[in-house]
């Protein structure tokens, strides 16, 4: 009986020790991920017939603290097939929460997810539904492995089987968003009000009329202010095709979790932000460059209104200079009412 009790205590102690170690490792992992900033990496290739990309140092162990993002772009009317080599090893974890490969069906980090992969078994063949695949390789601060090698090629898109295949794109088919500075299309704006419009892309030479565009406008309100966005003009050339064209609004940063609204249909609604930083993003592929938008941003504070502000009757206090300026800065046109009477007097 004493032997049985001793054995029970030994087994119980081992289980507790195992759980303590697992908890500690999980805590260390979380701390490492949160306190260390990952180094950005990736590859730039120009293989129009397909190509290969790998994790850093492959087939040797990849280094810690890395985040590599690859975007594969096929020619119009083509799809992508992605194959991972059998010589594959990424630190295993529950739901691949630590080191992993993430693949999404589209050109963005918020495109529909196909899968997240880790461990010793290479992922299955991955096929895109359209022209783009977004791939992220992430490594935290410990327990590195061999990594991966991936090969991609292009196949005809079945949705266009009756139209044939267009000639390949004369631009790189694989590029890195985080590392490359060649494709930057960004604008900085601020103040009590301003106009954000897609025509700025051409005016400032960010892209030609035939190039796909992925542009961001950063709007910064004065201290203690928030931002109200009102569309003055909006039209998507390929409406309801979000993979081809859209306007997105972010509240606080351009991270996926701060996505406030995304418009790709025939209607775009006004947006009220809860922070003083708004990010507008426009994506249009080569066949959607006639898509356009124009948006008025207004900085405002919440009541009680200060002496140099105008109360909009909609929980908004706007700068006095915006009253009777010919633009509706309030949610309702209180700021433009009775302007003719004031001018006459």
Protein backbone atom coordinates (compact mmCIF):
# COMPACT_ATOMS: atom_id res chain seq x y z
CA UNK A 1 0.00 0.00 0.00
CA UNK A 2 2.90 2.30 0.87
CA UNK A 3 4.49 1.46 -2.48
CA UNK A 4 1.31 2.38 -4.33
CA UNK A 5 1.05 5.73 -2.53
CA UNK A 6 4.72 6.51 -3.24
CA UNK A 7 4.26 5.70 -6.90
CA UNK A 8 1.21 7.97 -7.01
CA UNK A 9 3.19 10.83 -5.46
CA UNK A 10 6.04 10.36 -7.94
CA UNK A 11 3.69 10.37 -10.95
CA UNK A 12 1.84 13.42 -9.60
CA UNK A 13 5.11 15.27 -9.06
CA UNK A 14 6.23 14.52 -12.62
CA UNK A 15 2.93 15.79 -14.04
CA UNK A 16 3.16 19.01 -11.99
CA UNK A 17 6.78 19.49 -13.06
CA UNK A 18 5.83 18.99 -16.72
CA UNK A 19 2.96 21.45 -16.49
CA UNK A 20 5.15 24.02 -14.74
CA UNK A 21 7.77 23.71 -17.47
CA UNK A 22 5.16 24.03 -20.22
CA UNK A 23 3.67 27.10 -18.54
CA UNK A 24 7.06 28.67 -18.13
CA UNK A 25 7.95 28.03 -21.75
CA UNK A 26 4.65 29.51 -22.89
CA UNK A 27 5.27 32.60 -20.75
CA UNK A 28 8.80 32.96 -22.10
CA UNK A 29 7.50 32.65 -25.64
CA UNK A 30 4.90 35.33 -25.08
CA UNK A 31 7.41 37.65 -23.46
CA UNK A 32 9.90 37.16 -26.27
CA UNK A 33 7.31 37.84 -28.94
CA UNK A 34 6.03 40.96 -27.23
CA UNK A 35 9.33 42.56 -26.21
CA UNK A 36 11.53 41.83 -29.23
CA UNK A 37 10.82 43.37 -32.59
CA UNK A 38 11.15 40.92 -35.46
CA UNK A 39 13.69 41.63 -38.19
CA UNK A 40 12.07 42.06 -41.59
CA UNK A 41 13.36 39.91 -44.43
CA UNK A 42 12.41 38.41 -47.76
CA UNK A 43 13.41 37.88 -51.37
CA UNK A 44 12.92 39.81 -54.61
CA UNK A 45 12.77 37.67 -57.77
CA UNK A 46 11.85 38.29 -61.40
CA UNK A 47 11.08 34.78 -62.69
CA UNK A 48 8.09 35.26 -64.99
CA UNK A 49 7.68 31.48 -65.38
CA UNK A 50 7.65 30.83 -61.64
CA UNK A 51 10.36 30.66 -59.02
CA UNK A 52 11.65 29.51 -55.64
CA UNK A 53 11.97 31.26 -52.30
CA UNK A 54 13.19 29.97 -48.93
CA UNK A 55 13.36 30.82 -45.28
CA UNK A 56 16.60 32.59 -44.22
CA UNK A 57 19.69 30.30 -44.17
CA UNK A 58 17.78 27.31 -45.59
CA UNK A 59 18.60 24.38 -45.33
CA UNK A 60 20.48 25.47 -42.19
CA UNK A 61 18.50 26.69 -39.21
CA UNK A 62 16.68 29.97 -39.68
CA UNK A 63 17.70 32.79 -37.30
CA UNK A 64 15.44 33.98 -34.46
CA UNK A 65 13.17 37.03 -34.56
CA UNK A 66 12.37 37.14 -38.25
CA UNK A 67 9.25 38.17 -40.18
CA UNK A 68 9.36 37.69 -43.94
CA UNK A 69 6.44 38.62 -46.16
CA UNK A 70 6.20 37.53 -49.79
CA UNK A 71 3.53 38.42 -52.30
CA UNK A 72 3.28 36.32 -55.44
CA UNK A 73 1.53 38.02 -58.35
CA UNK A 74 0.41 36.18 -61.45
CA UNK A 75 -0.39 37.72 -64.82
CA UNK A 76 -4.04 38.63 -65.45
CA UNK A 77 -6.29 35.58 -65.97
CA UNK A 78 -3.85 33.28 -64.18
CA UNK A 79 -3.77 31.59 -60.77
CA UNK A 80 -0.89 30.40 -58.58
CA UNK A 81 0.17 26.95 -57.44
CA UNK A 82 2.51 26.81 -54.43
CA UNK A 83 4.57 23.73 -53.48
CA UNK A 84 6.65 23.23 -50.32
CA UNK A 85 9.71 20.94 -50.45
CA UNK A 86 9.65 17.78 -48.30
CA UNK A 87 12.82 18.98 -46.56
CA UNK A 88 10.76 21.08 -44.20
CA UNK A 89 10.90 21.74 -40.46
CA UNK A 90 9.39 24.60 -38.47
CA UNK A 91 9.15 24.58 -34.69
CA UNK A 92 5.87 22.82 -33.81
CA UNK A 93 3.35 24.39 -31.45
CA UNK A 94 -0.35 24.22 -30.66
CA UNK A 95 -2.24 25.91 -33.53
CA UNK A 96 1.18 27.09 -34.79
CA UNK A 97 1.12 30.04 -32.40
CA UNK A 98 4.90 30.45 -32.42
CA UNK A 99 7.07 29.87 -35.51
CA UNK A 100 4.85 29.42 -38.57
CA UNK A 101 4.05 30.03 -42.22
CA UNK A 102 0.77 31.80 -42.97
CA UNK A 103 -0.74 31.79 -46.46
CA UNK A 104 -3.60 34.06 -47.57
CA UNK A 105 -5.64 34.09 -50.77
CA UNK A 106 -4.96 37.61 -52.02
CA UNK A 107 -2.36 40.39 -51.88
CA UNK A 108 -2.89 41.56 -48.28
CA UNK A 109 -2.42 40.50 -44.69
CA UNK A 110 -6.20 40.64 -44.27
CA UNK A 111 -7.03 38.56 -47.36
CA UNK A 112 -8.90 35.27 -46.65
CA UNK A 113 -6.61 32.85 -44.84
CA UNK A 114 -5.78 29.53 -46.49
CA UNK A 115 -3.79 28.06 -43.63
CA UNK A 116 -1.13 28.41 -40.95
CA UNK A 117 1.57 25.73 -40.96
CA UNK A 118 4.39 24.48 -38.70
CA UNK A 119 5.89 21.19 -37.53
CA UNK A 120 7.70 18.51 -39.57
CA UNK A 121 5.07 17.81 -42.26
CA UNK A 122 5.29 20.08 -45.28
CA UNK A 123 2.03 21.84 -46.25
CA UNK A 124 -0.12 20.45 -49.07
CA UNK A 125 -0.19 22.00 -52.54
CA UNK A 126 -1.80 25.45 -52.29
CA UNK A 127 -3.82 26.98 -55.12
CA UNK A 128 -4.99 30.58 -55.25
CA UNK A 129 -8.46 31.61 -56.38
CA UNK A 130 -7.05 34.64 -58.19
CA UNK A 131 -3.83 36.40 -59.14
CA UNK A 132 -2.24 36.78 -55.70
CA UNK A 133 -0.91 34.84 -52.74
CA UNK A 134 0.32 36.50 -49.53
CA UNK A 135 2.83 34.44 -47.52
CA UNK A 136 4.30 35.27 -44.13
CA UNK A 137 7.11 33.39 -42.39
CA UNK A 138 7.44 34.22 -38.68
CA UNK A 139 10.11 33.06 -36.22
CA UNK A 140 10.15 34.04 -32.56
CA UNK A 141 13.18 34.28 -30.29
CA UNK A 142 13.93 30.60 -29.62
CA UNK A 143 13.89 27.01 -30.92
CA UNK A 144 14.88 27.47 -34.55
CA UNK A 145 14.60 24.76 -37.22
CA UNK A 146 15.55 24.02 -40.84
CA UNK A 147 12.76 26.12 -42.33
CA UNK A 148 11.31 25.70 -45.81
CA UNK A 149 11.83 25.94 -49.54
CA UNK A 150 8.82 26.80 -51.70
CA UNK A 151 8.27 26.70 -55.45
CA UNK A 152 5.48 28.49 -57.33
CA UNK A 153 4.16 28.43 -60.89
CA UNK A 154 1.13 29.75 -62.74
CA UNK A 155 -1.94 28.10 -64.26
CA UNK A 156 -4.87 29.50 -66.29
CA UNK A 157 -7.69 30.91 -64.19
CA UNK A 158 -10.76 28.74 -64.87
CA UNK A 159 -13.00 31.80 -64.60
CA UNK A 160 -11.39 33.12 -67.82
CA UNK A 161 -10.95 29.86 -69.70
CA UNK A 162 -12.87 31.17 -72.72
CA UNK A 163 -10.81 34.37 -72.98
CA UNK A 164 -7.30 32.95 -73.18
CA UNK A 165 -4.19 34.12 -71.31
CA UNK A 166 -2.75 37.61 -71.48
CA UNK A 167 0.99 38.22 -71.82
CA UNK A 168 3.00 38.07 -68.57
CA UNK A 169 3.43 41.20 -66.48
CA UNK A 170 6.68 43.09 -67.18
CA UNK A 171 7.24 43.64 -63.44
CA UNK A 172 8.59 41.44 -60.64
CA UNK A 173 6.18 38.67 -59.75
CA UNK A 174 7.42 38.28 -56.21
CA UNK A 175 8.13 41.23 -53.95
CA UNK A 176 8.40 42.08 -50.29
CA UNK A 177 6.06 44.73 -48.95
CA UNK A 178 7.87 45.34 -45.70
CA UNK A 179 11.41 45.58 -47.07
CA UNK A 180 10.93 47.25 -50.43
CA UNK A 181 10.73 51.03 -50.64
CA UNK A 182 10.28 51.20 -54.42
CA UNK A 183 6.49 50.80 -54.38
CA UNK A 184 5.71 53.22 -51.54
CA UNK A 185 2.60 55.30 -52.19
CA UNK A 186 1.88 57.27 -49.02
CA UNK A 187 0.56 60.72 -48.13
CA UNK A 188 0.63 62.66 -44.84
CA UNK A 189 -2.22 65.05 -44.02
CA UNK A 190 -3.52 66.94 -41.01
CA UNK A 191 -5.18 70.08 -39.67
CA UNK A 192 -8.82 71.04 -39.01
CA UNK A 193 -9.95 69.69 -42.41
CA UNK A 194 -8.67 68.45 -45.75
CA UNK A 195 -9.50 66.59 -48.95
CA UNK A 196 -8.22 63.06 -49.56
CA UNK A 197 -8.61 62.00 -53.18
CA UNK A 198 -7.35 59.30 -55.49
CA UNK A 199 -6.28 61.84 -58.13
CA UNK A 200 -3.33 62.68 -55.85
CA UNK A 201 -1.71 59.42 -56.97
CA UNK A 202 -1.28 60.68 -60.53
CA UNK A 203 -0.64 64.31 -59.58
CA UNK A 204 2.31 63.38 -57.38
CA UNK A 205 3.69 60.73 -59.72
CA UNK A 206 3.15 57.77 -57.41
CA UNK A 207 2.03 55.51 -60.29
CA UNK A 208 1.24 55.64 -63.97
CA UNK A 209 -2.30 55.27 -65.32
CA UNK A 210 -1.71 51.60 -66.21
CA UNK A 211 -0.10 50.42 -62.94
CA UNK A 212 -1.85 48.75 -60.03
CA UNK A 213 -1.90 50.99 -56.97
CA UNK A 214 -1.82 50.31 -53.23
CA UNK A 215 -1.75 53.73 -51.55
CA UNK A 216 -2.24 55.01 -48.00
CA UNK A 217 -3.19 58.42 -46.64
CA UNK A 218 -2.27 59.11 -42.99
CA UNK A 219 -4.51 61.75 -41.41
CA UNK A 220 -3.40 63.20 -38.07
CA UNK A 221 -5.83 65.33 -36.09
CA UNK A 222 -4.74 68.02 -33.57
CA UNK A 223 -4.29 66.95 -29.91
CA UNK A 224 -7.43 65.71 -28.12
CA UNK A 225 -9.27 65.55 -31.44
CA UNK A 226 -10.94 62.80 -33.42
CA UNK A 227 -11.72 62.50 -37.12
CA UNK A 228 -14.94 62.50 -39.14
CA UNK A 229 -14.75 61.22 -42.75
CA UNK A 230 -17.35 62.06 -45.39
CA UNK A 231 -17.26 60.79 -48.97
CA UNK A 232 -17.74 63.48 -51.62
CA UNK A 233 -17.20 61.13 -54.56
CA UNK A 234 -16.82 57.36 -54.82
CA UNK A 235 -16.92 54.83 -57.64
CA UNK A 236 -15.29 51.41 -58.00
CA UNK A 237 -14.70 50.39 -61.60
CA UNK A 238 -15.24 46.74 -60.70
CA UNK A 239 -17.86 47.07 -57.99
CA UNK A 240 -18.34 44.17 -55.57
CA UNK A 241 -14.95 42.72 -56.57
CA UNK A 242 -12.93 43.49 -53.46
CA UNK A 243 -9.92 41.55 -54.74
CA UNK A 244 -9.65 44.05 -57.59
CA UNK A 245 -10.48 47.41 -56.01
CA UNK A 246 -11.49 48.85 -52.65
CA UNK A 247 -11.16 51.78 -50.25
CA UNK A 248 -10.46 50.84 -46.63
CA UNK A 249 -10.53 53.00 -43.49
CA UNK A 250 -8.40 52.25 -40.41
CA UNK A 251 -8.81 53.80 -36.97
CA UNK A 252 -5.58 54.32 -34.99
CA UNK A 253 -3.10 52.50 -37.24
CA UNK A 254 -2.91 50.60 -40.53
CA UNK A 255 -2.95 47.22 -38.75
CA UNK A 256 -5.58 44.66 -39.69
CA UNK A 257 -7.13 44.78 -36.22
CA UNK A 258 -7.79 48.52 -36.64
CA UNK A 259 -9.75 48.11 -39.88
CA UNK A 260 -12.89 50.21 -39.42
CA UNK A 261 -14.61 49.88 -42.79
CA UNK A 262 -13.95 48.53 -46.26
CA UNK A 263 -15.84 49.66 -49.38
CA UNK A 264 -15.85 47.91 -52.74
CA UNK A 265 -19.52 48.00 -53.76
CA UNK A 266 -21.55 50.86 -55.23
CA UNK A 267 -22.01 52.78 -51.95
CA UNK A 268 -19.58 54.20 -49.36
CA UNK A 269 -20.80 55.51 -46.01
CA UNK A 270 -19.39 58.26 -43.81
CA UNK A 271 -17.10 57.07 -41.01
CA UNK A 272 -16.58 58.47 -37.50
CA UNK A 273 -13.21 57.53 -35.98
CA UNK A 274 -12.59 57.12 -32.27
CA UNK A 275 -8.92 58.21 -32.48
CA UNK A 276 -6.94 61.11 -33.88
CA UNK A 277 -5.16 58.98 -36.50
CA UNK A 278 -7.00 57.81 -39.58
CA UNK A 279 -5.53 55.73 -42.41
CA UNK A 280 -7.21 55.55 -45.82
CA UNK A 281 -6.06 52.78 -48.13
CA UNK A 282 -6.92 52.39 -51.80
CA UNK A 283 -6.17 49.25 -53.79
CA UNK A 284 -6.86 48.99 -57.53
CA UNK A 285 -5.37 46.46 -59.93
CA UNK A 286 -4.36 47.28 -63.48
CA UNK A 287 -7.89 46.75 -64.75
CA UNK A 288 -9.46 48.96 -62.07
CA UNK A 289 -7.54 52.21 -62.43
CA UNK A 290 -10.72 54.12 -63.22
CA UNK A 291 -11.80 53.52 -59.62
CA UNK A 292 -11.83 56.80 -57.73
CA UNK A 293 -12.82 58.48 -54.49
CA UNK A 294 -12.78 61.88 -52.83
CA UNK A 295 -13.19 62.26 -49.10
CA UNK A 296 -13.44 65.23 -46.72
CA UNK A 297 -11.85 64.78 -43.31
CA UNK A 298 -12.79 67.02 -40.39
CA UNK A 299 -11.03 67.14 -37.03
CA UNK A 300 -13.37 67.59 -34.09
CA UNK A 301 -13.51 67.49 -30.31
CA UNK A 302 -16.29 66.23 -28.12
CA UNK A 303 -18.37 68.71 -26.05
CA UNK A 304 -18.16 70.86 -24.03
CA UNK A 305 -17.03 73.08 -26.88
CA UNK A 306 -14.24 75.60 -26.38
CA UNK A 307 -14.50 79.27 -27.35
CA UNK A 308 -12.88 78.91 -30.80
CA UNK A 309 -15.13 76.03 -31.87
CA UNK A 310 -18.60 75.56 -33.33
CA UNK A 311 -21.10 73.06 -31.90
CA UNK A 312 -22.47 70.74 -34.58
CA UNK A 313 -25.43 69.40 -32.55
CA UNK A 314 -24.07 65.88 -33.21
CA UNK A 315 -21.58 65.52 -30.36
CA UNK A 316 -18.99 67.42 -32.42
CA UNK A 317 -17.11 70.68 -31.89
CA UNK A 318 -15.33 71.85 -35.05
CA UNK A 319 -12.97 74.76 -35.67
CA UNK A 320 -14.77 78.09 -36.18
CA UNK A 321 -12.91 78.62 -39.48
CA UNK A 322 -14.93 75.77 -41.00
CA UNK A 323 -18.28 77.51 -40.56
CA UNK A 324 -19.73 78.80 -43.85
CA UNK A 325 -16.70 77.63 -45.85
CA UNK A 326 -18.84 76.00 -48.55
CA UNK A 327 -18.23 72.45 -47.29
CA UNK A 328 -20.38 70.45 -44.89
CA UNK A 329 -18.02 69.55 -42.04
CA UNK A 330 -20.72 68.55 -39.55
CA UNK A 331 -22.67 65.30 -39.85
CA UNK A 332 -25.71 67.48 -40.54
CA UNK A 333 -25.24 70.83 -42.34
CA UNK A 334 -25.51 73.04 -39.26
CA UNK A 335 -22.21 74.70 -40.16
CA UNK A 336 -23.53 75.82 -43.56
CA UNK A 337 -27.02 76.95 -42.50
CA UNK A 338 -27.87 80.67 -42.62
CA UNK A 339 -24.59 81.51 -44.36
CA UNK A 340 -26.33 83.70 -46.95
CA UNK A 341 -27.98 85.67 -44.17
CA UNK A 342 -24.61 86.29 -42.51
CA UNK A 343 -23.09 87.42 -45.80
CA UNK A 344 -25.95 89.84 -46.46
CA UNK A 345 -25.67 91.38 -43.02
